[in-house]
Amino acid sequence: MMETTGRLATVVSRRPDAPRWAVVDDHNNVLAFVAPQAGVNLAPLVGQQVSVRGAQGYMPEYKRPYLVASEARPRLAVEPPATGDTTR
């Protein structure tokens, strides 16, 4: 089991066997490709910060990890601590 976090993105590829989703970092670098298990719907989470858990594999043709998602959930935004707040 592996867990990865980042933004869920759809994969655009001309290859018919390419994965449909990926978890990417802030610079759109693929951290892991993702395929959902039956019953896991990734579509509503596209574009959101997510945490994805599942069985890990590796895609040598893309040189990237691959997750079969058993769970995917949005990550709650954590507000940074206020600095220099002068409102009283």
Protein backbone atom coordinates (compact mmCIF):
# COMPACT_ATOMS: atom_id res chain seq x y z
CA MET A 1 0.00 0.00 0.00
CA MET A 2 1.25 3.45 -0.88
CA GLU A 3 -0.16 6.93 -0.34
CA THR A 4 0.70 9.94 -2.43
CA THR A 5 -0.54 13.51 -2.33
CA GLY A 6 -0.70 16.25 -4.93
CA ARG A 7 -3.10 17.65 -7.52
CA LEU A 8 -5.15 15.14 -9.49
CA ALA A 9 -4.84 15.77 -13.24
CA THR A 10 -6.15 14.11 -16.36
CA VAL A 11 -3.48 12.67 -18.64
CA VAL A 12 -3.45 13.82 -22.26
CA SER A 13 -1.70 11.27 -24.46
CA ARG A 14 -1.96 9.87 -27.95
CA ARG A 15 -1.16 6.42 -26.60
CA PRO A 16 -4.36 4.38 -26.22
CA ASP A 17 -2.92 2.46 -23.26
CA ALA A 18 -1.85 5.59 -21.34
CA PRO A 19 -3.27 6.07 -17.85
CA ARG A 20 -6.18 8.51 -17.59
CA TRP A 21 -5.13 10.21 -14.34
CA ALA A 22 -1.99 11.31 -12.54
CA VAL A 23 -1.07 12.96 -9.26
CA VAL A 24 1.17 15.94 -10.06
CA ASP A 25 3.20 18.44 -8.05
CA ASP A 26 2.98 22.26 -8.18
CA HIS A 27 5.03 22.28 -11.41
CA ASN A 28 2.84 19.64 -13.16
CA ASN A 29 5.52 16.95 -12.79
CA VAL A 30 3.93 13.50 -12.53
CA LEU A 31 4.42 12.01 -9.07
CA ALA A 32 2.40 8.87 -9.87
CA PHE A 33 -0.04 7.66 -12.49
CA VAL A 34 -3.39 6.51 -11.08
CA ALA A 35 -6.04 3.99 -12.09
CA PRO A 36 -9.12 3.59 -9.90
CA GLN A 37 -10.30 0.29 -8.45
CA ALA A 38 -13.93 -0.58 -9.17
CA GLY A 39 -16.15 1.78 -7.19
CA VAL A 40 -13.57 4.59 -6.94
CA ASN A 41 -14.60 7.68 -8.93
CA LEU A 42 -11.67 10.03 -9.61
CA ALA A 43 -13.45 12.37 -12.04
CA PRO A 44 -14.96 14.73 -9.40
CA LEU A 45 -11.50 15.22 -7.83
CA VAL A 46 -9.69 16.43 -10.98
CA GLY A 47 -7.91 19.73 -10.31
CA GLN A 48 -8.07 19.33 -6.54
CA GLN A 49 -5.36 18.60 -4.00
CA VAL A 50 -5.87 14.94 -3.14
CA SER A 51 -4.52 12.05 -1.14
CA VAL A 52 -4.59 8.74 -3.02
CA ARG A 53 -3.96 5.32 -1.46
CA GLY A 54 -3.59 2.01 -3.20
CA ALA A 55 -1.43 -0.80 -4.46
CA GLN A 56 1.77 0.45 -6.07
CA GLY A 57 3.34 -0.64 -9.30
CA TYR A 58 5.83 0.89 -11.72
CA MET A 59 5.45 1.90 -15.36
CA PRO A 60 8.91 1.48 -16.94
CA GLU A 61 7.76 3.04 -20.23
CA TYR A 62 7.02 6.29 -18.33
CA LYS A 63 9.63 5.79 -15.59
CA ARG A 64 7.01 6.63 -12.96
CA PRO A 65 5.17 4.90 -10.10
CA TYR A 66 1.64 3.67 -10.71
CA LEU A 67 -1.16 3.39 -8.15
CA VAL A 68 -4.33 1.33 -8.31
CA ALA A 69 -6.43 3.63 -6.14
CA SER A 70 -8.50 1.96 -3.44
CA GLU A 71 -9.16 5.37 -1.86
CA ALA A 72 -8.97 8.96 -3.09
CA ARG A 73 -10.03 11.96 -1.04
CA PRO A 74 -9.60 15.72 -1.19
CA ARG A 75 -6.97 17.19 1.08
CA LEU A 76 -8.13 19.96 3.33
CA ALA A 77 -6.31 23.23 2.83
CA VAL A 78 -4.25 24.28 5.80
CA GLU A 79 -4.08 28.01 6.28
CA PRO A 80 -0.61 29.33 7.00
CA PRO A 81 -0.21 31.07 10.33
CA ALA A 82 -0.96 34.79 10.24
CA THR A 83 2.12 36.98 10.25
CA GLY A 84 2.15 40.68 11.00
CA ASP A 85 -1.59 40.79 11.67
CA THR A 86 -2.30 44.34 12.85
CA THR A 87 -6.08 44.14 13.04
CA ARG A 88 -7.36 44.52 16.60
